[in-house]
Amino acid sequence: MKRWTQIFKALANINRLKIINLLANGMSLTVTQITDELDISFRGTSRHLLLLHGLDILSSVGRNGHVFYSYNRSLPGDVKKIVEIFLKDV
């Protein structure tokens, strides 16, 4: 129950939904690239990414001194369905 509460809280923020939507299209981007694309502050974007990564909605890979974030395609089926429902309205 606690995990679902955290997931729903995470998905209740439009900026986090925009980030997921951006990365769900197969893109792998850095914090700076996401900040520029969505016109969100760097600090805010970083916090959103850490939260989404902590819930395994996003995955990350370090390359060339940068961290690249992408949508975690191996999400459990139930969580993936919920995320997709939320993304329909973004």
N, C-alpha and C. Protein backbone atom coordinates (compact mmCIF):
# COMPACT_ATOMS: atom_id res chain seq x y z
N MET A 1 0.83 -1.19 0.00
CA MET A 1 0.00 0.00 0.00
C MET A 1 0.87 1.26 0.00
N LYS A 2 1.97 1.24 0.76
CA LYS A 2 2.82 2.41 0.84
C LYS A 2 3.43 2.75 -0.52
N ARG A 3 3.86 1.71 -1.26
CA ARG A 3 4.45 1.94 -2.59
C ARG A 3 3.43 2.59 -3.53
N TRP A 4 2.19 2.15 -3.49
CA TRP A 4 1.17 2.74 -4.36
C TRP A 4 0.93 4.20 -4.00
N THR A 5 0.94 4.51 -2.73
CA THR A 5 0.77 5.89 -2.29
C THR A 5 1.89 6.75 -2.85
N GLN A 6 3.12 6.26 -2.79
CA GLN A 6 4.27 7.00 -3.33
C GLN A 6 4.16 7.17 -4.84
N ILE A 7 3.73 6.13 -5.53
CA ILE A 7 3.60 6.21 -6.99
C ILE A 7 2.53 7.22 -7.37
N PHE A 8 1.38 7.17 -6.72
CA PHE A 8 0.32 8.12 -7.04
C PHE A 8 0.71 9.55 -6.70
N LYS A 9 1.43 9.75 -5.61
CA LYS A 9 1.93 11.09 -5.29
C LYS A 9 2.89 11.57 -6.35
N ALA A 10 3.75 10.68 -6.83
CA ALA A 10 4.71 11.05 -7.87
C ALA A 10 4.01 11.43 -9.16
N LEU A 11 2.95 10.71 -9.49
CA LEU A 11 2.23 10.97 -10.73
C LEU A 11 1.23 12.13 -10.62
N ALA A 12 1.09 12.67 -9.43
CA ALA A 12 0.16 13.79 -9.21
C ALA A 12 0.80 15.14 -9.51
N ASN A 13 1.99 15.15 -10.10
CA ASN A 13 2.69 16.39 -10.42
C ASN A 13 2.85 16.51 -11.93
N ILE A 14 2.38 17.59 -12.51
CA ILE A 14 2.40 17.75 -13.97
C ILE A 14 3.82 17.76 -14.53
N ASN A 15 4.77 18.32 -13.81
CA ASN A 15 6.14 18.33 -14.32
C ASN A 15 6.74 16.93 -14.37
N ARG A 16 6.43 16.11 -13.37
CA ARG A 16 6.91 14.73 -13.40
C ARG A 16 6.26 13.96 -14.53
N LEU A 17 4.98 14.21 -14.77
CA LEU A 17 4.31 13.55 -15.90
C LEU A 17 4.91 13.99 -17.23
N LYS A 18 5.27 15.26 -17.34
CA LYS A 18 5.91 15.74 -18.56
C LYS A 18 7.26 15.08 -18.78
N ILE A 19 8.00 14.89 -17.70
CA ILE A 19 9.30 14.22 -17.79
C ILE A 19 9.11 12.78 -18.26
N ILE A 20 8.18 12.06 -17.64
CA ILE A 20 7.93 10.67 -18.03
C ILE A 20 7.49 10.61 -19.48
N ASN A 21 6.60 11.50 -19.88
CA ASN A 21 6.10 11.53 -21.25
C ASN A 21 7.24 11.77 -22.24
N LEU A 22 8.12 12.69 -21.92
CA LEU A 22 9.27 12.99 -22.77
C LEU A 22 10.16 11.76 -22.94
N LEU A 23 10.42 11.08 -21.83
CA LEU A 23 11.33 9.94 -21.87
C LEU A 23 10.66 8.64 -22.33
N ALA A 24 9.34 8.58 -22.25
CA ALA A 24 8.62 7.37 -22.67
C ALA A 24 8.72 7.13 -24.17
N ASN A 25 9.10 8.13 -24.91
CA ASN A 25 9.24 8.00 -26.36
C ASN A 25 10.58 7.40 -26.76
N GLY A 26 11.31 6.85 -25.79
CA GLY A 26 12.56 6.19 -26.07
C GLY A 26 13.79 7.08 -25.97
N MET A 27 13.59 8.32 -25.55
CA MET A 27 14.72 9.24 -25.43
C MET A 27 15.51 8.95 -24.15
N SER A 28 16.79 9.26 -24.19
CA SER A 28 17.66 9.18 -23.04
C SER A 28 18.33 10.54 -22.92
N LEU A 29 18.01 11.28 -21.87
CA LEU A 29 18.44 12.67 -21.76
C LEU A 29 19.08 12.97 -20.41
N THR A 30 19.92 14.01 -20.38
CA THR A 30 20.52 14.48 -19.14
C THR A 30 19.57 15.45 -18.45
N VAL A 31 19.90 15.79 -17.22
CA VAL A 31 19.10 16.76 -16.47
C VAL A 31 19.02 18.08 -17.24
N THR A 32 20.14 18.54 -17.77
CA THR A 32 20.17 19.80 -18.50
C THR A 32 19.29 19.75 -19.74
N GLN A 33 19.33 18.66 -20.46
CA GLN A 33 18.51 18.53 -21.67
C GLN A 33 17.02 18.52 -21.32
N ILE A 34 16.66 17.84 -20.25
CA ILE A 34 15.25 17.81 -19.82
C ILE A 34 14.83 19.20 -19.36
N THR A 35 15.69 19.87 -18.61
CA THR A 35 15.42 21.23 -18.16
C THR A 35 15.15 22.15 -19.34
N ASP A 36 15.99 22.09 -20.35
CA ASP A 36 15.83 22.94 -21.52
C ASP A 36 14.57 22.60 -22.31
N GLU A 37 14.29 21.32 -22.45
CA GLU A 37 13.14 20.86 -23.24
C GLU A 37 11.81 21.26 -22.59
N LEU A 38 11.74 21.16 -21.28
CA LEU A 38 10.47 21.39 -20.58
C LEU A 38 10.38 22.74 -19.89
N ASP A 39 11.47 23.51 -19.93
CA ASP A 39 11.50 24.82 -19.30
C ASP A 39 11.15 24.76 -17.81
N ILE A 40 11.82 23.83 -17.13
CA ILE A 40 11.68 23.66 -15.69
C ILE A 40 13.04 23.99 -15.09
N SER A 41 13.08 24.47 -13.87
CA SER A 41 14.37 24.79 -13.25
C SER A 41 15.24 23.54 -13.13
N PHE A 42 16.54 23.75 -13.15
CA PHE A 42 17.49 22.64 -13.04
C PHE A 42 17.30 21.91 -11.71
N ARG A 43 17.19 22.69 -10.65
CA ARG A 43 17.03 22.10 -9.32
C ARG A 43 15.74 21.29 -9.21
N GLY A 44 14.65 21.85 -9.73
CA GLY A 44 13.37 21.15 -9.71
C GLY A 44 13.41 19.88 -10.54
N THR A 45 14.03 19.97 -11.70
CA THR A 45 14.15 18.81 -12.57
C THR A 45 14.94 17.71 -11.88
N SER A 46 16.03 18.07 -11.24
CA SER A 46 16.85 17.10 -10.52
C SER A 46 16.05 16.38 -9.44
N ARG A 47 15.27 17.13 -8.69
CA ARG A 47 14.45 16.53 -7.63
C ARG A 47 13.41 15.58 -8.21
N HIS A 48 12.76 16.00 -9.30
CA HIS A 48 11.76 15.14 -9.95
C HIS A 48 12.41 13.85 -10.44
N LEU A 49 13.58 13.96 -11.06
CA LEU A 49 14.27 12.78 -11.59
C LEU A 49 14.68 11.82 -10.48
N LEU A 50 15.17 12.35 -9.38
CA LEU A 50 15.56 11.49 -8.26
C LEU A 50 14.36 10.73 -7.71
N LEU A 51 13.24 11.40 -7.58
CA LEU A 51 12.04 10.75 -7.07
C LEU A 51 11.56 9.66 -8.02
N LEU A 52 11.49 9.97 -9.31
CA LEU A 52 11.02 8.99 -10.30
C LEU A 52 11.99 7.83 -10.43
N HIS A 53 13.27 8.11 -10.33
CA HIS A 53 14.28 7.06 -10.38
C HIS A 53 14.16 6.16 -9.15
N GLY A 54 13.93 6.75 -8.00
CA GLY A 54 13.78 6.00 -6.76
C GLY A 54 12.59 5.06 -6.77
N LEU A 55 11.58 5.38 -7.57
CA LEU A 55 10.39 4.52 -7.70
C LEU A 55 10.52 3.56 -8.88
N ASP A 56 11.69 3.55 -9.52
CA ASP A 56 11.98 2.68 -10.67
C ASP A 56 11.15 2.99 -11.91
N ILE A 57 10.56 4.18 -11.95
CA ILE A 57 9.83 4.59 -13.15
C ILE A 57 10.84 5.00 -14.22
N LEU A 58 11.96 5.57 -13.78
CA LEU A 58 13.04 5.94 -14.69
C LEU A 58 14.27 5.11 -14.36
N SER A 59 15.11 4.92 -15.37
CA SER A 59 16.41 4.30 -15.15
C SER A 59 17.47 5.32 -15.54
N SER A 60 18.69 5.09 -15.11
CA SER A 60 19.76 6.03 -15.42
C SER A 60 21.05 5.29 -15.74
N VAL A 61 21.87 5.95 -16.57
CA VAL A 61 23.16 5.41 -16.96
C VAL A 61 24.15 6.56 -16.98
N GLY A 62 25.30 6.36 -16.38
CA GLY A 62 26.34 7.38 -16.41
C GLY A 62 27.24 7.18 -17.63
N ARG A 63 27.45 8.26 -18.39
CA ARG A 63 28.32 8.21 -19.57
C ARG A 63 29.00 9.55 -19.73
N ASN A 64 30.30 9.51 -19.94
CA ASN A 64 31.07 10.73 -20.24
C ASN A 64 30.85 11.84 -19.22
N GLY A 65 30.74 11.50 -17.97
CA GLY A 65 30.57 12.51 -16.93
C GLY A 65 29.17 13.05 -16.79
N HIS A 66 28.20 12.44 -17.47
CA HIS A 66 26.80 12.86 -17.40
C HIS A 66 25.93 11.67 -17.02
N VAL A 67 24.80 11.95 -16.42
CA VAL A 67 23.82 10.91 -16.13
C VAL A 67 22.68 11.06 -17.12
N PHE A 68 22.38 9.99 -17.85
CA PHE A 68 21.30 9.99 -18.82
C PHE A 68 20.12 9.21 -18.24
N TYR A 69 18.95 9.84 -18.25
CA TYR A 69 17.74 9.23 -17.73
C TYR A 69 16.88 8.74 -18.88
N SER A 70 16.20 7.62 -18.65
CA SER A 70 15.27 7.09 -19.64
C SER A 70 14.11 6.41 -18.91
N TYR A 71 13.05 6.17 -19.65
CA TYR A 71 11.88 5.49 -19.10
C TYR A 71 12.23 4.03 -18.88
N ASN A 72 11.88 3.50 -17.73
CA ASN A 72 12.18 2.11 -17.39
C ASN A 72 11.15 1.20 -18.05
N ARG A 73 11.52 0.59 -19.15
CA ARG A 73 10.61 -0.28 -19.89
C ARG A 73 10.33 -1.61 -19.18
N SER A 74 11.11 -1.91 -18.15
CA SER A 74 10.89 -3.16 -17.43
C SER A 74 10.13 -2.95 -16.11
N LEU A 75 9.31 -1.90 -16.10
CA LEU A 75 8.44 -1.66 -14.94
C LEU A 75 7.51 -2.86 -14.75
N PRO A 76 7.13 -3.17 -13.52
CA PRO A 76 6.11 -4.20 -13.33
C PRO A 76 4.83 -3.81 -14.08
N GLY A 77 4.14 -4.79 -14.61
CA GLY A 77 2.96 -4.55 -15.45
C GLY A 77 1.91 -3.65 -14.84
N ASP A 78 1.61 -3.84 -13.54
CA ASP A 78 0.58 -3.02 -12.91
C ASP A 78 0.99 -1.56 -12.83
N VAL A 79 2.25 -1.30 -12.51
CA VAL A 79 2.73 0.08 -12.42
C VAL A 79 2.77 0.70 -13.82
N LYS A 80 3.19 -0.07 -14.80
CA LYS A 80 3.25 0.41 -16.18
C LYS A 80 1.86 0.84 -16.68
N LYS A 81 0.84 0.06 -16.35
CA LYS A 81 -0.54 0.40 -16.75
C LYS A 81 -0.97 1.73 -16.14
N ILE A 82 -0.68 1.91 -14.86
CA ILE A 82 -1.05 3.15 -14.18
C ILE A 82 -0.34 4.35 -14.81
N VAL A 83 0.95 4.21 -15.06
CA VAL A 83 1.72 5.29 -15.67
C VAL A 83 1.13 5.63 -17.04
N GLU A 84 0.80 4.63 -17.83
CA GLU A 84 0.24 4.87 -19.16
C GLU A 84 -1.12 5.57 -19.08
N ILE A 85 -1.92 5.23 -18.09
CA ILE A 85 -3.21 5.91 -17.89
C ILE A 85 -2.99 7.39 -17.58
N PHE A 86 -2.05 7.68 -16.70
CA PHE A 86 -1.73 9.06 -16.35
C PHE A 86 -1.19 9.83 -17.56
N LEU A 87 -0.42 9.16 -18.39
CA LEU A 87 0.20 9.83 -19.55
C LEU A 87 -0.81 10.19 -20.64
N LYS A 88 -1.96 9.55 -20.65
CA LYS A 88 -2.97 9.84 -21.68
C LYS A 88 -3.44 11.28 -21.62
N ASP A 89 -3.40 11.88 -20.44
CA ASP A 89 -3.92 13.25 -20.28
C ASP A 89 -2.84 14.31 -20.32
N VAL A 90 -1.59 13.92 -20.59
CA VAL A 90 -0.49 14.91 -20.60
C VAL A 90 -0.40 15.54 -21.96
